[in-house]
Amino acid sequence: MGAAVLLAMTLVAGCSKSGTGSSGAAGTASATVPANCLSKPTVKPDPTTDPVGFNQVNLTGLDKSLKCALTGKDLSGVNIAMVVNVAADYWKAGQVGFTKGCADLGIAASRCTYFAPPGGLLTQQNSELETLRSQGITGYSISAIDPASAKGTIATDTANNINVLAIDSPLPGTTAASLYLGTVNYAAGFEAGTEMKQVLGGSGKIAILVGSLTASNATERIQGFTDALKGTGITVVQKVNDNLSASTAQSDAETILANNPDVNGLYGVYSYDGPALATAVQSAGKTGSVKIVSDDSDAQTLSFINSGVISGTVVQMPYEQGYTGAYILAAEKVLGKDATMSIIKPYLESDGTTLSSGVGLVTKSDLGQYQSLETQLGIS
């Protein structure tokens, strides 16, 4: 696996055009999926042996199966969107993937909308969803800013045959809870905690900074992180909500370091947190003495990895959340949800709802491999 798996990213359409049945959005009859379009995972990703392999081999296989089932079908009625939670560098890869997925399926760019709320505000996200509904949206993937408040909206949308796909953070308790495409967030947090345990040598005091203390992706990561530290001499002394603001994260980190000279570790959960914490540590003159473990792979984060200010960052694959997300939303509209899920089901995690985009850990030693992967995907 590793960067070499990108050679398999180009999908081929050489699949049967057979198959009958009605197409449509949620709640309509499902098409019959040709047997030769059904497949199963071939590889079990192992971040310990291939830290930047993610789940790309399997997702590429799934994409091919979905495209096979869509071959010969009319996709002119597909009108989909990818709606994320904040305009951050992290999501640029998701946008690239979504745009490429639509193009590979032959869906017009005008019917594939990407939206990132500039200020990470719930009002901005809700306003965009309202606009999309007025434009006849057939489905959207979403990283919900506030999953609890989105419950009613999602229920209304799915009742109106608009397909909703959870990405980045699951949507438990909603009518979109049956499928989540993204990182297994507990596993990502556990990976971060394992790295922190290693760089601190098993003892120390840590502060956690995050954009939300209620979003499920955040709570699951923090749980995984703290579970990884059990049995060590490392304690978490603070958990701080920076409300999706890099400047707030930096200011909070500066305050923590000034008021708690014994804090020697910082964990930044959201994508902008890594650079914000690194800047704070540099300003405090504590590079090296305060270890940072972050999430995601913003360009600044990778630069701080290279310079040694950040020890390691746990990376997702937002590109696949965009790319495979486009395929799923198109299939749900054209084939129906049941037929689409019959293709996806073999690829789900043991919980029966998670379609993993994989998790990796990038340190200075494998930074070059990860950057090569980004280049091949057209992200950097």
Foldseek 3Di string as FASTA:
>chain_A
DFLVCLVLQDADQPADPDWDDFFFFAPDTFTDQPPVLFDFDDDDDDQVVHQHPFRVNRLSSLLNSLSNRCPPFDLQLAAEEEEEQEPDLQCLLLVLLQVVLCVSSVHDPNRYYYDHQHQSDQVSRVVVVVVCVVVPHQEYEYAHSDLVVCQVVQQVCVVVRRYYEYEPAANPPHPNRQAYEWAQLLVLLLVLLLLVCVLVVQAFEEEEEEQDPPGRSVVSSPVSNVVNNPPGNYYYDYYYHQNPDLQSLLVVLLVCCVVPVRHQEYEYEDDSNQLSNLVSCVVVVNQPRREYEYEADRPSNLVCLQVRSHFKYKHIRSSSVSNSVNSLSSCCGTRNNVNSCSNCQSQADPVSHYNYSGMGMDHNVCSVSNVSSCVSSVSD
